[in-house]
Amino acid sequence: MYRYLFFDADGTLFDFDEAERRAIRAMALEVGITLDDQHIALYQEANLKCWKAFERGELTLKALRTERFERFNKASGFSFDPVASSVRYQSHLSGQGILYSDAIEVLAALKARGYTLYLASNGIATVQRGRIEAAAVGHYFDEIFISEEMGVQKPDVRYFDLMLAKAGLSEQRPLSLMIGDSLSSDIKGGVDSGLDTVWINRHGESSPTLEPTYTITELSQILGLLTAPGRSHGE
């Protein structure tokens, strides 16, 4: 029985991989460099490792902004200025409101069915809010929780406790559901916080150490799981 749905952003509603590719290419072109697919893959690997370190508390958000470009330089042989490159990249990324093809359908249907929706995202606030505005989806959510504004990130239980408190739902955990694609961030944080979880396993990964409440492979499958508040799957 669920009434309150907390959606992750990137990899769940937003196609971050494509947004990232477009932003890094645009940043490079500004300084007269054309990146090929191999370069893009090297940047994505460096960026992902930095975000995983951020989740573990090993990097601050401030350090992450430049560290990813320092790692990219080392891997690619380029010499991008880490500070200037980060500013350019964030500017381009903030305009990339690229959603998965089924995202609007899912949000609109769940809203129409009577669920209360929230967005729960790790990220840089100006970038995430710019992308939410570009995608024109902000009106679906009663509140938007971004780690930089919260002062703590997923999967830290303090993020989830604060999120629930701000939403006025601290005593409504049994009615609340965390939905996301990241085992290490969304699902771990949800499980550790006592929330039921939906893992969107787009790439057929295994989950040896975590047991989500539900697992789906496409976002649209959630419409079969959540038919109406108080009449969720299995009741």
C-alpha atoms as a PDB file:
ATOM      1  CA  MET A   1       0.000   0.000   0.000  1.00  0.00           C
ATOM      2  CA  TYR A   2       1.781   3.119  -1.200  1.00  0.00           C
ATOM      3  CA  ARG A   3       0.727   6.714  -1.544  1.00  0.00           C
ATOM      4  CA  TYR A   4       4.009   8.627  -1.733  1.00  0.00           C
ATOM      5  CA  LEU A   5       6.459   7.936  -4.547  1.00  0.00           C
ATOM      6  CA  PHE A   6      10.053   9.184  -4.511  1.00  0.00           C
ATOM      7  CA  PHE A   7      11.698   9.089  -7.941  1.00  0.00           C
ATOM      8  CA  ASP A   8      15.395   9.273  -8.610  1.00  0.00           C
ATOM      9  CA  ALA A   9      16.238  11.514 -11.589  1.00  0.00           C
ATOM     10  CA  ASP A  10      19.217  10.328 -13.640  1.00  0.00           C
ATOM     11  CA  GLY A  11      18.957   6.836 -15.072  1.00  0.00           C
ATOM     12  CA  THR A  12      15.376   6.643 -13.815  1.00  0.00           C
ATOM     13  CA  LEU A  13      13.439   9.463 -15.486  1.00  0.00           C
ATOM     14  CA  PHE A  14      16.270  11.265 -17.273  1.00  0.00           C
ATOM     15  CA  ASP A  15      18.579   9.731 -19.873  1.00  0.00           C
ATOM     16  CA  PHE A  16      21.747  10.992 -18.259  1.00  0.00           C
ATOM     17  CA  ASP A  17      24.099   9.108 -20.566  1.00  0.00           C
ATOM     18  CA  GLU A  18      22.813  10.995 -23.596  1.00  0.00           C
ATOM     19  CA  ALA A  19      22.743  14.306 -21.720  1.00  0.00           C
ATOM     20  CA  GLU A  20      26.328  13.735 -20.638  1.00  0.00           C
ATOM     21  CA  ARG A  21      27.471  12.959 -24.182  1.00  0.00           C
ATOM     22  CA  ARG A  22      25.896  16.115 -25.561  1.00  0.00           C
ATOM     23  CA  ALA A  23      27.259  18.337 -22.801  1.00  0.00           C
ATOM     24  CA  ILE A  24      30.848  17.074 -22.949  1.00  0.00           C
ATOM     25  CA  ARG A  25      30.931  17.373 -26.744  1.00  0.00           C
ATOM     26  CA  ALA A  26      29.584  20.933 -26.592  1.00  0.00           C
ATOM     27  CA  MET A  27      32.135  21.846 -23.920  1.00  0.00           C
ATOM     28  CA  ALA A  28      35.002  20.475 -26.019  1.00  0.00           C
ATOM     29  CA  LEU A  29      33.842  22.243 -29.177  1.00  0.00           C
ATOM     30  CA  GLU A  30      33.931  25.566 -27.323  1.00  0.00           C
ATOM     31  CA  VAL A  31      37.692  25.159 -26.969  1.00  0.00           C
ATOM     32  CA  GLY A  32      38.162  23.800 -30.484  1.00  0.00           C
ATOM     33  CA  ILE A  33      38.397  20.061 -29.753  1.00  0.00           C
ATOM     34  CA  THR A  34      36.272  17.313 -31.281  1.00  0.00           C
ATOM     35  CA  LEU A  35      35.806  14.241 -29.098  1.00  0.00           C
ATOM     36  CA  ASP A  36      35.194  10.777 -30.532  1.00  0.00           C
ATOM     37  CA  ASP A  37      33.206   7.969 -28.927  1.00  0.00           C
ATOM     38  CA  GLN A  38      36.277   6.589 -27.151  1.00  0.00           C
ATOM     39  CA  HIS A  39      36.953   9.962 -25.554  1.00  0.00           C
ATOM     40  CA  ILE A  40      33.327  10.197 -24.452  1.00  0.00           C
ATOM     41  CA  ALA A  41      33.572   6.739 -22.872  1.00  0.00           C
ATOM     42  CA  LEU A  42      36.720   7.763 -20.985  1.00  0.00           C
ATOM     43  CA  TYR A  43      34.999  10.844 -19.614  1.00  0.00           C
ATOM     44  CA  GLN A  44      31.894   8.891 -18.618  1.00  0.00           C
ATOM     45  CA  GLU A  45      34.040   6.368 -16.768  1.00  0.00           C
ATOM     46  CA  ALA A  46      35.917   9.118 -14.922  1.00  0.00           C
ATOM     47  CA  ASN A  47      32.695  10.948 -14.065  1.00  0.00           C
ATOM     48  CA  LEU A  48      30.939   7.802 -12.837  1.00  0.00           C
ATOM     49  CA  LYS A  49      33.850   6.859 -10.587  1.00  0.00           C
ATOM     50  CA  CYS A  50      33.810  10.332  -9.081  1.00  0.00           C
ATOM     51  CA  TRP A  51      30.066  10.164  -8.384  1.00  0.00           C
ATOM     52  CA  LYS A  52      30.479   6.736  -6.758  1.00  0.00           C
ATOM     53  CA  ALA A  53      33.234   8.195  -4.568  1.00  0.00           C
ATOM     54  CA  PHE A  54      30.874  11.060  -3.717  1.00  0.00           C
ATOM     55  CA  GLU A  55      28.183   8.557  -2.689  1.00  0.00           C
ATOM     56  CA  ARG A  56      30.717   6.879  -0.372  1.00  0.00           C
ATOM     57  CA  GLY A  57      31.685  10.212   1.154  1.00  0.00           C
ATOM     58  CA  GLU A  58      35.197  10.060  -0.305  1.00  0.00           C
ATOM     59  CA  LEU A  59      34.790  13.194  -2.466  1.00  0.00           C
ATOM     60  CA  THR A  60      33.003  16.426  -1.728  1.00  0.00           C
ATOM     61  CA  LEU A  61      30.758  17.847  -4.434  1.00  0.00           C
ATOM     62  CA  LYS A  62      33.181  20.749  -4.856  1.00  0.00           C
ATOM     63  CA  ALA A  63      36.105  18.395  -5.388  1.00  0.00           C
ATOM     64  CA  LEU A  64      34.089  16.181  -7.742  1.00  0.00           C
ATOM     65  CA  ARG A  65      33.514  19.060 -10.173  1.00  0.00           C
ATOM     66  CA  THR A  66      37.206  19.268 -11.045  1.00  0.00           C
ATOM     67  CA  GLU A  67      38.435  15.782 -10.143  1.00  0.00           C
ATOM     68  CA  ARG A  68      36.466  14.193 -12.989  1.00  0.00           C
ATOM     69  CA  PHE A  69      38.269  16.394 -15.527  1.00  0.00           C
ATOM     70  CA  GLU A  70      41.648  15.733 -13.931  1.00  0.00           C
ATOM     71  CA  ARG A  71      40.995  12.010 -14.286  1.00  0.00           C
ATOM     72  CA  PHE A  72      39.744  12.483 -17.847  1.00  0.00           C
ATOM     73  CA  ASN A  73      42.911  14.395 -18.764  1.00  0.00           C
ATOM     74  CA  LYS A  74      45.068  11.606 -17.372  1.00  0.00           C
ATOM     75  CA  ALA A  75      43.129   8.901 -19.225  1.00  0.00           C
ATOM     76  CA  SER A  76      42.800  10.740 -22.550  1.00  0.00           C
ATOM     77  CA  GLY A  77      46.002  12.751 -22.823  1.00  0.00           C
ATOM     78  CA  PHE A  78      44.067  16.029 -23.130  1.00  0.00           C
ATOM     79  CA  SER A  79      44.869  19.048 -21.004  1.00  0.00           C
ATOM     80  CA  PHE A  80      41.483  20.639 -20.317  1.00  0.00           C
ATOM     81  CA  ASP A  81      41.538  23.238 -17.560  1.00  0.00           C
ATOM     82  CA  PRO A  82      39.603  21.350 -14.835  1.00  0.00           C
ATOM     83  CA  VAL A  83      37.932  24.443 -13.362  1.00  0.00           C
ATOM     84  CA  ALA A  84      36.966  26.168 -16.621  1.00  0.00           C
ATOM     85  CA  SER A  85      35.925  22.864 -18.212  1.00  0.00           C
ATOM     86  CA  SER A  86      33.685  22.050 -15.275  1.00  0.00           C
ATOM     87  CA  VAL A  87      31.932  25.427 -15.516  1.00  0.00           C
ATOM     88  CA  ARG A  88      31.370  25.024 -19.261  1.00  0.00           C
ATOM     89  CA  TYR A  89      30.219  21.429 -18.897  1.00  0.00           C
ATOM     90  CA  GLN A  90      27.743  22.241 -16.134  1.00  0.00           C
ATOM     91  CA  SER A  91      26.325  25.090 -18.198  1.00  0.00           C
ATOM     92  CA  HIS A  92      25.679  22.791 -21.156  1.00  0.00           C
ATOM     93  CA  LEU A  93      24.420  19.941 -18.971  1.00  0.00           C
ATOM     94  CA  SER A  94      21.877  22.159 -17.227  1.00  0.00           C
ATOM     95  CA  GLY A  95      20.020  22.546 -20.527  1.00  0.00           C
ATOM     96  CA  GLN A  96      19.836  18.835 -21.284  1.00  0.00           C
ATOM     97  CA  GLY A  97      16.325  17.874 -20.178  1.00  0.00           C
ATOM     98  CA  ILE A  98      16.390  14.532 -21.969  1.00  0.00           C
ATOM     99  CA  LEU A  99      13.792  12.130 -20.586  1.00  0.00           C
ATOM    100  CA  TYR A 100      13.292   8.453 -21.326  1.00  0.00           C
ATOM    101  CA  SER A 101      10.489   8.006 -23.825  1.00  0.00           C
ATOM    102  CA  ASP A 102       8.054   6.624 -21.239  1.00  0.00           C
ATOM    103  CA  ALA A 103       8.784   9.105 -18.429  1.00  0.00           C
ATOM    104  CA  ILE A 104       5.974  11.596 -19.103  1.00  0.00           C
ATOM    105  CA  GLU A 105       3.434   8.823 -19.593  1.00  0.00           C
ATOM    106  CA  VAL A 106       4.391   7.283 -16.247  1.00  0.00           C
ATOM    107  CA  LEU A 107       4.417  10.538 -14.288  1.00  0.00           C
ATOM    108  CA  ALA A 108       1.111  11.704 -15.741  1.00  0.00           C
ATOM    109  CA  ALA A 109      -0.592   8.356 -15.144  1.00  0.00           C
ATOM    110  CA  LEU A 110       0.595   8.038 -11.548  1.00  0.00           C
ATOM    111  CA  LYS A 111      -0.415  11.616 -10.799  1.00  0.00           C
ATOM    112  CA  ALA A 112      -3.852  10.954 -12.318  1.00  0.00           C
ATOM    113  CA  ARG A 113      -4.202   7.814 -10.207  1.00  0.00           C
ATOM    114  CA  GLY A 114      -3.817   9.898  -7.059  1.00  0.00           C
ATOM    115  CA  TYR A 115      -0.232   9.298  -5.989  1.00  0.00           C
ATOM    116  CA  THR A 116       1.878  12.090  -4.541  1.00  0.00           C
ATOM    117  CA  LEU A 117       5.187  12.325  -6.395  1.00  0.00           C
ATOM    118  CA  TYR A 118       8.578  13.606  -5.273  1.00  0.00           C
ATOM    119  CA  LEU A 119      11.957  13.848  -6.989  1.00  0.00           C
ATOM    120  CA  ALA A 120      15.036  12.713  -5.049  1.00  0.00           C
ATOM    121  CA  SER A 121      18.340  13.350  -6.797  1.00  0.00           C
ATOM    122  CA  ASN A 122      22.037  13.460  -6.070  1.00  0.00           C
ATOM    123  CA  GLY A 123      23.597  16.287  -8.005  1.00  0.00           C
ATOM    124  CA  ILE A 124      24.526  19.911  -8.441  1.00  0.00           C
ATOM    125  CA  ALA A 125      21.452  22.017  -7.771  1.00  0.00           C
ATOM    126  CA  THR A 126      21.766  24.498 -10.654  1.00  0.00           C
ATOM    127  CA  VAL A 127      22.358  21.663 -13.114  1.00  0.00           C
ATOM    128  CA  GLN A 128      19.505  19.487 -11.892  1.00  0.00           C
ATOM    129  CA  ARG A 129      16.994  22.311 -11.621  1.00  0.00           C
ATOM    130  CA  GLY A 130      17.972  23.539 -15.087  1.00  0.00           C
ATOM    131  CA  ARG A 131      17.353  20.092 -16.536  1.00  0.00           C
ATOM    132  CA  ILE A 132      14.038  19.732 -14.711  1.00  0.00           C
ATOM    133  CA  GLU A 133      12.954  23.077 -16.158  1.00  0.00           C
ATOM    134  CA  ALA A 134      14.159  22.144 -19.647  1.00  0.00           C
ATOM    135  CA  ALA A 135      12.166  18.902 -19.472  1.00  0.00           C
ATOM    136  CA  ALA A 136       9.086  20.735 -18.134  1.00  0.00           C
ATOM    137  CA  VAL A 137       8.377  18.085 -15.484  1.00  0.00           C
ATOM    138  CA  GLY A 138       8.617  20.087 -12.264  1.00  0.00           C
ATOM    139  CA  HIS A 139       4.841  20.377 -11.937  1.00  0.00           C
ATOM    140  CA  TYR A 140       4.500  16.636 -11.414  1.00  0.00           C
ATOM    141  CA  PHE A 141       6.354  16.780  -8.085  1.00  0.00           C
ATOM    142  CA  ASP A 142       5.143  18.176  -4.786  1.00  0.00           C
ATOM    143  CA  GLU A 143       8.764  18.728  -3.742  1.00  0.00           C
ATOM    144  CA  ILE A 144      12.221  18.249  -5.257  1.00  0.00           C
ATOM    145  CA  PHE A 145      15.100  17.082  -3.072  1.00  0.00           C
ATOM    146  CA  ILE A 146      18.622  17.651  -4.442  1.00  0.00           C
ATOM    147  CA  SER A 147      21.629  16.511  -2.449  1.00  0.00           C
ATOM    148  CA  GLU A 148      23.566  19.785  -2.752  1.00  0.00           C
ATOM    149  CA  GLU A 149      20.632  21.683  -1.251  1.00  0.00           C
ATOM    150  CA  MET A 150      20.063  18.987   1.374  1.00  0.00           C
ATOM    151  CA  GLY A 151      23.686  19.006   2.548  1.00  0.00           C
ATOM    152  CA  VAL A 152      23.859  15.210   2.400  1.00  0.00           C
ATOM    153  CA  GLN A 153      23.619  12.672  -0.403  1.00  0.00           C
ATOM    154  CA  LYS A 154      22.079   9.302  -1.140  1.00  0.00           C
ATOM    155  CA  PRO A 155      22.615   6.603   0.123  1.00  0.00           C
ATOM    156  CA  ASP A 156      23.230   8.263   3.500  1.00  0.00           C
ATOM    157  CA  VAL A 157      20.200   7.591   5.693  1.00  0.00           C
ATOM    158  CA  ARG A 158      20.331  11.228   6.791  1.00  0.00           C
ATOM    159  CA  TYR A 159      19.322  12.225   3.266  1.00  0.00           C
ATOM    160  CA  PHE A 160      16.249   9.996   3.439  1.00  0.00           C
ATOM    161  CA  ASP A 161      15.364  11.040   6.979  1.00  0.00           C
ATOM    162  CA  LEU A 162      15.591  14.717   6.024  1.00  0.00           C
ATOM    163  CA  MET A 163      13.678  14.139   2.799  1.00  0.00           C
ATOM    164  CA  LEU A 164      10.826  12.451   4.639  1.00  0.00           C
ATOM    165  CA  ALA A 165      10.821  15.108   7.343  1.00  0.00           C
ATOM    166  CA  LYS A 166      10.646  17.931   4.785  1.00  0.00           C
ATOM    167  CA  ALA A 167       7.783  16.139   3.048  1.00  0.00           C
ATOM    168  CA  GLY A 168       5.986  15.691   6.380  1.00  0.00           C
ATOM    169  CA  LEU A 169       6.158  11.912   5.976  1.00  0.00           C
ATOM    170  CA  SER A 170       8.494  10.801   8.756  1.00  0.00           C
ATOM    171  CA  GLU A 171       5.735   8.606  10.160  1.00  0.00           C
ATOM    172  CA  GLN A 172       4.582   7.404   6.733  1.00  0.00           C
ATOM    173  CA  ARG A 173       7.440   5.119   5.702  1.00  0.00           C
ATOM    174  CA  PRO A 174       5.133   2.131   5.072  1.00  0.00           C
ATOM    175  CA  LEU A 175       3.220   4.254   2.539  1.00  0.00           C
ATOM    176  CA  SER A 176       6.369   5.566   0.848  1.00  0.00           C
ATOM    177  CA  LEU A 177       8.294   3.985  -2.029  1.00  0.00           C
ATOM    178  CA  MET A 178      11.770   4.799  -3.379  1.00  0.00           C
ATOM    179  CA  ILE A 179      12.155   4.256  -7.142  1.00  0.00           C
ATOM    180  CA  GLY A 180      15.538   4.320  -8.829  1.00  0.00           C
ATOM    181  CA  ASP A 181      18.121   2.666 -11.041  1.00  0.00           C
ATOM    182  CA  SER A 182      21.135   2.725  -8.713  1.00  0.00           C
ATOM    183  CA  LEU A 183      21.649  -0.138  -6.284  1.00  0.00           C
ATOM    184  CA  SER A 184      24.412   1.717  -4.465  1.00  0.00           C
ATOM    185  CA  SER A 185      22.465   4.957  -4.092  1.00  0.00           C
ATOM    186  CA  ASP A 186      18.678   4.654  -4.417  1.00  0.00           C
ATOM    187  CA  ILE A 187      18.144   1.072  -3.318  1.00  0.00           C
ATOM    188  CA  LYS A 188      20.774   0.886  -0.576  1.00  0.00           C
ATOM    189  CA  GLY A 189      19.642   4.197   0.859  1.00  0.00           C
ATOM    190  CA  GLY A 190      16.013   3.186   0.701  1.00  0.00           C
ATOM    191  CA  VAL A 191      16.614  -0.205   2.305  1.00  0.00           C
ATOM    192  CA  ASP A 192      18.804   1.259   5.048  1.00  0.00           C
ATOM    193  CA  SER A 193      16.116   3.862   5.723  1.00  0.00           C
ATOM    194  CA  GLY A 194      13.316   1.342   6.061  1.00  0.00           C
ATOM    195  CA  LEU A 195      11.612   2.170   2.765  1.00  0.00           C
ATOM    196  CA  ASP A 196      10.296  -0.268   0.208  1.00  0.00           C
ATOM    197  CA  THR A 197      12.115   0.092  -3.092  1.00  0.00           C
ATOM    198  CA  VAL A 198      11.664  -0.388  -6.820  1.00  0.00           C
ATOM    199  CA  TRP A 199      14.877  -1.108  -8.715  1.00  0.00           C
ATOM    200  CA  ILE A 200      14.824  -0.259 -12.419  1.00  0.00           C
ATOM    201  CA  ASN A 201      17.333  -2.809 -13.688  1.00  0.00           C
ATOM    202  CA  ARG A 202      17.739  -1.618 -17.267  1.00  0.00           C
ATOM    203  CA  HIS A 203      20.956  -3.535 -17.931  1.00  0.00           C
ATOM    204  CA  GLY A 204      20.288  -6.953 -16.434  1.00  0.00           C
ATOM    205  CA  GLU A 205      22.596  -6.507 -13.438  1.00  0.00           C
ATOM    206  CA  SER A 206      22.643  -8.893 -10.501  1.00  0.00           C
ATOM    207  CA  SER A 207      21.976  -7.695  -6.947  1.00  0.00           C
ATOM    208  CA  PRO A 208      23.915 -10.115  -4.721  1.00  0.00           C
ATOM    209  CA  THR A 209      24.009  -7.977  -1.584  1.00  0.00           C
ATOM    210  CA  LEU A 210      20.744  -6.024  -1.809  1.00  0.00           C
ATOM    211  CA  GLU A 211      17.171  -7.180  -2.148  1.00  0.00           C
ATOM    212  CA  PRO A 212      14.856  -4.536  -3.615  1.00  0.00           C
ATOM    213  CA  THR A 213      11.178  -4.940  -2.817  1.00  0.00           C
ATOM    214  CA  TYR A 214      10.410  -4.979  -6.538  1.00  0.00           C
ATOM    215  CA  THR A 215      12.553  -5.172  -9.664  1.00  0.00           C
ATOM    216  CA  ILE A 216      11.496  -3.973 -13.115  1.00  0.00           C
ATOM    217  CA  THR A 217      13.436  -3.561 -16.340  1.00  0.00           C
ATOM    218  CA  GLU A 218      11.596  -0.564 -17.828  1.00  0.00           C
ATOM    219  CA  LEU A 219      10.087   2.467 -16.161  1.00  0.00           C
ATOM    220  CA  SER A 220       6.680   1.877 -17.756  1.00  0.00           C
ATOM    221  CA  GLN A 221       6.351  -1.447 -15.922  1.00  0.00           C
ATOM    222  CA  ILE A 222       5.677   0.501 -12.755  1.00  0.00           C
ATOM    223  CA  LEU A 223       2.194   1.253 -14.043  1.00  0.00           C
ATOM    224  CA  GLY A 224       1.319  -2.412 -13.609  1.00  0.00           C
ATOM    225  CA  LEU A 225       2.759  -2.372 -10.113  1.00  0.00           C
ATOM    226  CA  LEU A 226       1.036   0.765  -8.845  1.00  0.00           C
ATOM    227  CA  THR A 227      -2.583   0.745  -9.903  1.00  0.00           C
ATOM    228  CA  ALA A 228      -3.910   3.253  -7.341  1.00  0.00           C
ATOM    229  CA  PRO A 229      -3.077   4.436  -3.814  1.00  0.00           C
ATOM    230  CA  GLY A 230      -4.091   1.724  -1.403  1.00  0.00           C
ATOM    231  CA  ARG A 231      -4.257  -0.912  -4.170  1.00  0.00           C
ATOM    232  CA  SER A 232      -0.628  -1.632  -4.948  1.00  0.00           C
ATOM    233  CA  HIS A 233       0.613  -4.925  -6.350  1.00  0.00           C
ATOM    234  CA  GLY A 234       0.074  -7.956  -4.154  1.00  0.00           C
ATOM    235  CA  GLU A 235      -2.689  -6.520  -1.960  1.00  0.00           C
END
